[in-house]
PDB file of N, CA and C in Angstrom:
ATOM      1  N   MET A   1      -1.827 -10.800  -0.972  1.00  0.00           N
ATOM      2  CA  MET A   1      -3.021 -10.751  -2.089  1.00  0.00           C
ATOM      3  C   MET A   1      -2.343 -10.708  -3.348  1.00  0.00           C
ATOM      4  N   ARG A   2      -1.304  -9.740  -3.394  1.00  0.00           N
ATOM      5  CA  ARG A   2      -0.389  -9.649  -4.612  1.00  0.00           C
ATOM      6  C   ARG A   2       0.063 -10.967  -5.104  1.00  0.00           C
ATOM      7  N   ALA A   3       0.889 -11.598  -4.043  1.00  0.00           N
ATOM      8  CA  ALA A   3       1.565 -12.669  -4.464  1.00  0.00           C
ATOM      9  C   ALA A   3       0.251 -13.899  -4.986  1.00  0.00           C
ATOM     10  N   ALA A   4      -0.688 -14.097  -4.268  1.00  0.00           N
ATOM     11  CA  ALA A   4      -1.650 -14.999  -4.585  1.00  0.00           C
ATOM     12  C   ALA A   4      -2.195 -14.750  -5.682  1.00  0.00           C
ATOM     13  N   VAL A   5      -2.515 -13.552  -6.436  1.00  0.00           N
ATOM     14  CA  VAL A   5      -2.893 -13.302  -7.772  1.00  0.00           C
ATOM     15  C   VAL A   5      -1.950 -13.652  -8.764  1.00  0.00           C
ATOM     16  N   LEU A   6      -0.805 -13.374  -8.439  1.00  0.00           N
ATOM     17  CA  LEU A   6       0.165 -13.531  -9.224  1.00  0.00           C
ATOM     18  C   LEU A   6       0.545 -15.165  -9.485  1.00  0.00           C
ATOM     19  N   SER A   7       0.207 -15.831  -8.426  1.00  0.00           N
ATOM     20  CA  SER A   7       0.611 -17.291  -8.425  1.00  0.00           C
ATOM     21  C   SER A   7      -0.493 -18.005  -9.246  1.00  0.00           C
ATOM     22  N   LEU A   8      -1.642 -17.270  -9.484  1.00  0.00           N
ATOM     23  CA  LEU A   8      -2.774 -18.038 -10.216  1.00  0.00           C
ATOM     24  C   LEU A   8      -2.417 -18.220 -11.791  1.00  0.00           C
ATOM     25  N   GLY A   9      -1.527 -17.346 -12.049  1.00  0.00           N
ATOM     26  CA  GLY A   9      -0.812 -17.397 -13.459  1.00  0.00           C
ATOM     27  C   GLY A   9      -2.060 -17.048 -14.606  1.00  0.00           C
ATOM     28  N   LEU A  10      -2.977 -16.292 -14.343  1.00  0.00           N
ATOM     29  CA  LEU A  10      -4.053 -15.965 -15.297  1.00  0.00           C
ATOM     30  C   LEU A  10      -3.527 -15.232 -16.477  1.00  0.00           C
ATOM     31  N   PRO A  11      -3.631 -15.572 -17.705  1.00  0.00           N
ATOM     32  CA  PRO A  11      -2.923 -14.964 -18.783  1.00  0.00           C
ATOM     33  C   PRO A  11      -3.339 -13.493 -18.965  1.00  0.00           C
ATOM     34  N   HIS A  12      -2.539 -12.773 -19.428  1.00  0.00           N
ATOM     35  CA  HIS A  12      -2.762 -11.221 -19.598  1.00  0.00           C
ATOM     36  C   HIS A  12      -1.946 -10.881 -20.745  1.00  0.00           C
ATOM     37  N   ALA A  13      -2.351 -10.925 -21.935  1.00  0.00           N
ATOM     38  CA  ALA A  13      -1.359 -10.867 -23.148  1.00  0.00           C
ATOM     39  C   ALA A  13      -0.612  -9.377 -23.142  1.00  0.00           C
ATOM     40  N   THR A  14      -1.444  -8.324 -22.638  1.00  0.00           N
ATOM     41  CA  THR A  14      -0.561  -7.246 -22.975  1.00  0.00           C
ATOM     42  C   THR A  14       0.303  -6.606 -21.741  1.00  0.00           C
ATOM     43  N   SER A  15       0.261  -7.629 -20.686  1.00  0.00           N
ATOM     44  CA  SER A  15       1.204  -7.377 -19.439  1.00  0.00           C
ATOM     45  C   SER A  15       2.576  -7.634 -19.700  1.00  0.00           C
ATOM     46  N   SER A  16       3.554  -6.857 -19.212  1.00  0.00           N
ATOM     47  CA  SER A  16       4.995  -7.436 -19.435  1.00  0.00           C
ATOM     48  C   SER A  16       5.193  -8.617 -18.369  1.00  0.00           C
ATOM     49  N   TYR A  17       4.429  -8.923 -17.501  1.00  0.00           N
ATOM     50  CA  TYR A  17       4.425 -10.315 -16.760  1.00  0.00           C
ATOM     51  C   TYR A  17       3.813 -11.369 -17.437  1.00  0.00           C
ATOM     52  N   GLN A  18       3.065 -10.929 -18.380  1.00  0.00           N
ATOM     53  CA  GLN A  18       2.349 -11.923 -19.209  1.00  0.00           C
ATOM     54  C   GLN A  18       1.074 -12.584 -18.407  1.00  0.00           C
ATOM     55  N   SER A  19       0.938 -12.351 -17.075  1.00  0.00           N
ATOM     56  CA  SER A  19      -0.263 -12.668 -16.456  1.00  0.00           C
ATOM     57  C   SER A  19      -0.738 -11.565 -15.651  1.00  0.00           C
ATOM     58  N   VAL A  20      -1.864 -11.719 -15.034  1.00  0.00           N
ATOM     59  CA  VAL A  20      -2.771 -10.750 -14.247  1.00  0.00           C
ATOM     60  C   VAL A  20      -1.937 -10.284 -12.927  1.00  0.00           C
ATOM     61  N   THR A  21      -1.749  -9.295 -12.509  1.00  0.00           N
ATOM     62  CA  THR A  21      -1.035  -8.747 -11.432  1.00  0.00           C
ATOM     63  C   THR A  21      -1.940  -7.759 -10.741  1.00  0.00           C
ATOM     64  N   VAL A  22      -1.547  -7.413  -9.455  1.00  0.00           N
ATOM     65  CA  VAL A  22      -2.192  -6.502  -8.654  1.00  0.00           C
ATOM     66  C   VAL A  22      -1.313  -5.587  -8.078  1.00  0.00           C
ATOM     67  N   SER A  23      -1.742  -4.252  -7.985  1.00  0.00           N
ATOM     68  CA  SER A  23      -0.940  -3.089  -7.388  1.00  0.00           C
ATOM     69  C   SER A  23      -1.781  -2.716  -6.214  1.00  0.00           C
ATOM     70  N   VAL A  24      -1.342  -2.561  -5.110  1.00  0.00           N
ATOM     71  CA  VAL A  24      -2.042  -2.143  -3.819  1.00  0.00           C
ATOM     72  C   VAL A  24      -1.375  -1.031  -3.305  1.00  0.00           C
ATOM     73  N   GLY A  25      -2.398  -0.268  -2.539  1.00  0.00           N
ATOM     74  CA  GLY A  25      -2.125   0.843  -1.818  1.00  0.00           C
ATOM     75  C   GLY A  25      -2.625   0.679  -0.388  1.00  0.00           C
ATOM     76  N   VAL A  26      -1.628   0.742   0.695  1.00  0.00           N
ATOM     77  CA  VAL A  26      -2.220   0.436   1.878  1.00  0.00           C
ATOM     78  C   VAL A  26      -1.877   1.760   2.829  1.00  0.00           C
ATOM     79  N   ALA A  27      -2.909   1.937   3.663  1.00  0.00           N
ATOM     80  CA  ALA A  27      -2.669   3.196   4.494  1.00  0.00           C
ATOM     81  C   ALA A  27      -3.160   2.599   6.018  1.00  0.00           C
ATOM     82  N   ALA A  28      -2.420   3.277   6.933  1.00  0.00           N
ATOM     83  CA  ALA A  28      -2.943   3.045   8.404  1.00  0.00           C
ATOM     84  C   ALA A  28      -2.629   3.963   9.209  1.00  0.00           C
ATOM     85  N   THR A  29      -3.170   4.306  10.182  1.00  0.00           N
ATOM     86  CA  THR A  29      -3.184   5.411  11.187  1.00  0.00           C
ATOM     87  C   THR A  29      -3.599   5.098  12.674  1.00  0.00           C
ATOM     88  N   LEU A  30      -3.554   5.919  13.547  1.00  0.00           N
ATOM     89  CA  LEU A  30      -4.034   5.707  14.926  1.00  0.00           C
ATOM     90  C   LEU A  30      -5.187   6.889  14.843  1.00  0.00           C
ATOM     91  N   PRO A  31      -6.334   6.526  15.219  1.00  0.00           N
ATOM     92  CA  PRO A  31      -7.405   7.419  15.436  1.00  0.00           C
ATOM     93  C   PRO A  31      -6.865   8.803  15.967  1.00  0.00           C
ATOM     94  N   SER A  32      -7.364   9.965  15.705  1.00  0.00           N
ATOM     95  CA  SER A  32      -6.699  11.173  16.198  1.00  0.00           C
ATOM     96  C   SER A  32      -8.073  12.344  15.766  1.00  0.00           C
ATOM     97  N   VAL A  33      -8.252  13.217  16.525  1.00  0.00           N
ATOM     98  CA  VAL A  33      -9.104  14.428  16.381  1.00  0.00           C
ATOM     99  C   VAL A  33      -8.776  15.311  15.378  1.00  0.00           C
ATOM    100  N   ALA A  34      -7.375  15.215  14.993  1.00  0.00           N
ATOM    101  CA  ALA A  34      -6.784  16.123  14.105  1.00  0.00           C
ATOM    102  C   ALA A  34      -7.090  15.493  12.736  1.00  0.00           C
ATOM    103  N   GLN A  35      -7.547  14.412  12.487  1.00  0.00           N
ATOM    104  CA  GLN A  35      -7.724  13.720  11.163  1.00  0.00           C
ATOM    105  C   GLN A  35      -9.096  13.342  10.790  1.00  0.00           C
ATOM    106  N   ARG A  36      -9.445  13.729   9.506  1.00  0.00           N
ATOM    107  CA  ARG A  36     -10.797  13.375   9.187  1.00  0.00           C
ATOM    108  C   ARG A  36     -10.760  11.934   8.571  1.00  0.00           C
ATOM    109  N   PRO A  37     -11.930  11.162   8.660  1.00  0.00           N
ATOM    110  CA  PRO A  37     -11.853   9.819   7.973  1.00  0.00           C
ATOM    111  C   PRO A  37     -11.537   9.830   6.570  1.00  0.00           C
ATOM    112  N   GLY A  38     -11.758  10.835   5.895  1.00  0.00           N
ATOM    113  CA  GLY A  38     -11.445  10.981   4.442  1.00  0.00           C
ATOM    114  C   GLY A  38      -9.791  10.953   4.207  1.00  0.00           C
ATOM    115  N   ASP A  39      -9.217  11.480   5.381  1.00  0.00           N
ATOM    116  CA  ASP A  39      -7.576  11.525   5.302  1.00  0.00           C
ATOM    117  C   ASP A  39      -7.057  10.118   4.953  1.00  0.00           C
ATOM    118  N   LEU A  40      -7.632   9.227   5.633  1.00  0.00           N
ATOM    119  CA  LEU A  40      -7.167   7.956   5.559  1.00  0.00           C
ATOM    120  C   LEU A  40      -7.248   7.119   4.154  1.00  0.00           C
ATOM    121  N   VAL A  41      -8.466   7.520   3.631  1.00  0.00           N
ATOM    122  CA  VAL A  41      -8.905   7.196   2.282  1.00  0.00           C
ATOM    123  C   VAL A  41      -7.874   8.027   1.177  1.00  0.00           C
ATOM    124  N   GLU A  42      -7.523   9.178   1.629  1.00  0.00           N
ATOM    125  CA  GLU A  42      -6.733   9.897   0.511  1.00  0.00           C
ATOM    126  C   GLU A  42      -5.435   9.380   0.653  1.00  0.00           C
ATOM    127  N   ALA A  43      -4.710   8.718   1.936  1.00  0.00           N
ATOM    128  CA  ALA A  43      -3.594   8.304   2.056  1.00  0.00           C
ATOM    129  C   ALA A  43      -3.612   6.997   1.227  1.00  0.00           C
ATOM    130  N   ALA A  44      -4.419   6.297   1.343  1.00  0.00           N
ATOM    131  CA  ALA A  44      -4.461   4.732   0.674  1.00  0.00           C
ATOM    132  C   ALA A  44      -4.633   5.037  -0.750  1.00  0.00           C
ATOM    133  N   ASP A  45      -5.388   6.123  -1.129  1.00  0.00           N
ATOM    134  CA  ASP A  45      -5.478   6.396  -2.710  1.00  0.00           C
ATOM    135  C   ASP A  45      -3.964   6.888  -3.208  1.00  0.00           C
ATOM    136  N   ALA A  46      -3.416   7.896  -2.421  1.00  0.00           N
ATOM    137  CA  ALA A  46      -1.968   8.082  -2.928  1.00  0.00           C
ATOM    138  C   ALA A  46      -1.020   6.876  -3.076  1.00  0.00           C
ATOM    139  N   ALA A  47      -1.113   6.008  -1.858  1.00  0.00           N
ATOM    140  CA  ALA A  47      -0.402   4.905  -1.840  1.00  0.00           C
ATOM    141  C   ALA A  47      -0.568   4.103  -3.170  1.00  0.00           C
ATOM    142  N   LEU A  48      -1.957   3.900  -3.522  1.00  0.00           N
ATOM    143  CA  LEU A  48      -2.092   3.006  -4.673  1.00  0.00           C
ATOM    144  C   LEU A  48      -1.624   3.658  -5.973  1.00  0.00           C
ATOM    145  N   TYR A  49      -1.669   4.975  -6.246  1.00  0.00           N
ATOM    146  CA  TYR A  49      -1.128   5.665  -7.341  1.00  0.00           C
ATOM    147  C   TYR A  49       0.484   5.532  -7.477  1.00  0.00           C
ATOM    148  N   ALA A  50       0.922   5.568  -6.229  1.00  0.00           N
ATOM    149  CA  ALA A  50       2.563   5.266  -6.008  1.00  0.00           C
ATOM    150  C   ALA A  50       2.807   3.908  -6.424  1.00  0.00           C
ATOM    151  N   ALA A  51       2.076   2.898  -6.002  1.00  0.00           N
ATOM    152  CA  ALA A  51       2.248   1.548  -6.363  1.00  0.00           C
ATOM    153  C   ALA A  51       2.249   1.375  -8.023  1.00  0.00           C
ATOM    154  N   LYS A  52       1.294   2.086  -8.406  1.00  0.00           N
ATOM    155  CA  LYS A  52       0.943   1.988  -9.963  1.00  0.00           C
ATOM    156  C   LYS A  52       2.205   2.671 -10.633  1.00  0.00           C
ATOM    157  N   HIS A  53       2.493   3.665  -9.938  1.00  0.00           N
ATOM    158  CA  HIS A  53       3.834   4.524 -10.811  1.00  0.00           C
ATOM    159  C   HIS A  53       5.055   3.710 -10.728  1.00  0.00           C
ATOM    160  N   ARG A  54       5.255   2.718  -9.672  1.00  0.00           N
ATOM    161  CA  ARG A  54       6.364   1.780  -9.788  1.00  0.00           C
ATOM    162  C   ARG A  54       6.252   0.792 -10.612  1.00  0.00           C
ATOM    163  N   GLY A  55       4.947   0.567 -11.254  1.00  0.00           N
ATOM    164  CA  GLY A  55       5.003  -0.390 -12.399  1.00  0.00           C
ATOM    165  C   GLY A  55       4.027  -1.479 -11.893  1.00  0.00           C
ATOM    166  N   ARG A  56       3.763  -2.554 -12.515  1.00  0.00           N
ATOM    167  CA  ARG A  56       3.025  -3.537 -12.096  1.00  0.00           C
ATOM    168  C   ARG A  56       3.440  -4.311 -10.787  1.00  0.00           C
ATOM    169  N   ASN A  57       2.563  -5.046 -10.317  1.00  0.00           N
ATOM    170  CA  ASN A  57       2.800  -6.167  -9.202  1.00  0.00           C
ATOM    171  C   ASN A  57       3.401  -5.379  -8.045  1.00  0.00           C
ATOM    172  N   ALA A  58       3.040  -4.309  -7.663  1.00  0.00           N
ATOM    173  CA  ALA A  58       3.810  -3.690  -6.503  1.00  0.00           C
ATOM    174  C   ALA A  58       2.695  -3.327  -5.434  1.00  0.00           C
ATOM    175  N   VAL A  59       3.242  -3.196  -4.095  1.00  0.00           N
ATOM    176  CA  VAL A  59       2.403  -2.654  -3.033  1.00  0.00           C
ATOM    177  C   VAL A  59       3.451  -1.460  -2.358  1.00  0.00           C
ATOM    178  N   VAL A  60       2.619  -0.285  -1.927  1.00  0.00           N
ATOM    179  CA  VAL A  60       3.079   0.656  -1.320  1.00  0.00           C
ATOM    180  C   VAL A  60       2.134   1.013  -0.097  1.00  0.00           C
ATOM    181  N   GLU A  61       2.775   1.254   1.083  1.00  0.00           N
ATOM    182  CA  GLU A  61       2.238   1.708   2.164  1.00  0.00           C
ATOM    183  C   GLU A  61       2.460   3.047   2.540  1.00  0.00           C
ATOM    184  N   HIS A  62       1.388   3.633   3.303  1.00  0.00           N
ATOM    185  CA  HIS A  62       1.353   4.956   3.668  1.00  0.00           C
ATOM    186  C   HIS A  62       1.131   5.005   5.148  1.00  0.00           C
ATOM    187  N   GLY A  63       1.872   5.503   6.018  1.00  0.00           N
ATOM    188  CA  GLY A  63       1.540   5.607   7.388  1.00  0.00           C
ATOM    189  C   GLY A  63       1.531   7.132   7.677  1.00  0.00           C
ATOM    190  N   PHE A  64       0.734   7.472   8.902  1.00  0.00           N
ATOM    191  CA  PHE A  64       0.514   8.912   9.151  1.00  0.00           C
ATOM    192  C   PHE A  64       1.367   9.111  10.421  1.00  0.00           C
ATOM    193  N   VAL A  65       1.622   8.102  11.059  1.00  0.00           N
ATOM    194  CA  VAL A  65       2.564   8.127  12.444  1.00  0.00           C
ATOM    195  C   VAL A  65       3.580   7.132  12.413  1.00  0.00           C
ATOM    196  N   GLN A  66       4.639   7.701  13.087  1.00  0.00           N
ATOM    197  CA  GLN A  66       5.791   6.666  13.368  1.00  0.00           C
ATOM    198  C   GLN A  66       5.691   6.291  14.934  1.00  0.00           C
ATOM    199  N   LEU A  67       5.524   5.177  15.210  1.00  0.00           N
ATOM    200  CA  LEU A  67       5.439   4.568  16.518  1.00  0.00           C
ATOM    201  C   LEU A  67       6.798   4.712  17.278  1.00  0.00           C
ATOM    202  N   VAL A  68       6.978   5.465  18.457  1.00  0.00           N
ATOM    203  CA  VAL A  68       8.387   5.344  19.218  1.00  0.00           C
ATOM    204  C   VAL A  68       7.943   4.981  20.597  1.00  0.00           C
ATOM    205  N   ASP A  69       8.970   4.477  21.126  1.00  0.00           N
ATOM    206  CA  ASP A  69       8.973   4.125  22.652  1.00  0.00           C
ATOM    207  C   ASP A  69       9.257   5.140  23.490  1.00  0.00           C
ATOM    208  N   GLU A  70       9.078   5.110  24.886  1.00  0.00           N
ATOM    209  CA  GLU A  70       9.488   6.203  25.667  1.00  0.00           C
ATOM    210  C   GLU A  70      10.876   6.885  25.360  1.00  0.00           C
ATOM    211  N   ALA A  71      11.819   6.312  24.949  1.00  0.00           N
ATOM    212  CA  ALA A  71      13.093   6.676  24.535  1.00  0.00           C
ATOM    213  C   ALA A  71      13.139   7.357  23.213  1.00  0.00           C
ATOM    214  N   GLY A  72      12.179   7.484  22.810  1.00  0.00           N
ATOM    215  CA  GLY A  72      12.109   8.019  21.285  1.00  0.00           C
ATOM    216  C   GLY A  72      12.648   6.986  20.336  1.00  0.00           C
ATOM    217  N   MET A  73      12.899   5.877  20.483  1.00  0.00           N
ATOM    218  CA  MET A  73      13.375   4.877  19.311  1.00  0.00           C
ATOM    219  C   MET A  73      12.119   4.344  18.824  1.00  0.00           C
ATOM    220  N   ALA A  74      12.394   4.389  17.449  1.00  0.00           N
ATOM    221  CA  ALA A  74      11.338   3.907  16.485  1.00  0.00           C
ATOM    222  C   ALA A  74      11.056   2.629  16.834  1.00  0.00           C
ATOM    223  N   LEU A  75       9.721   2.219  16.922  1.00  0.00           N
ATOM    224  CA  LEU A  75       9.330   0.460  16.961  1.00  0.00           C
ATOM    225  C   LEU A  75       8.893   0.012  15.635  1.00  0.00           C
ATOM    226  N   ALA A  76       9.259  -1.205  15.552  1.00  0.00           N
ATOM    227  CA  ALA A  76       8.713  -1.954  14.283  1.00  0.00           C
ATOM    228  C   ALA A  76       7.291  -2.083  14.209  1.00  0.00           C
ATOM    229  N   SER A  77       6.640  -2.108  13.126  1.00  0.00           N
ATOM    230  CA  SER A  77       5.298  -2.023  13.029  1.00  0.00           C
ATOM    231  C   SER A  77       4.993  -3.281  12.078  1.00  0.00           C
TER     232      SER A  77
END
């Protein structure tokens, strides 16, 4: 989505990119009784603020869990 908006080349006079950009915050989790639905929304919101803090045209992800296999090795997600 970020790249698609940038590729449109929509003019934005006050942007350092001189075109419209998008900053995105993404959060993911596995369902758990220990978490409230609002926790996921709060995590996405925190990721969005982190993306905005990095500057324009950024994507930041926030994950609650790190997936591991039986040997304790981190799995790619």
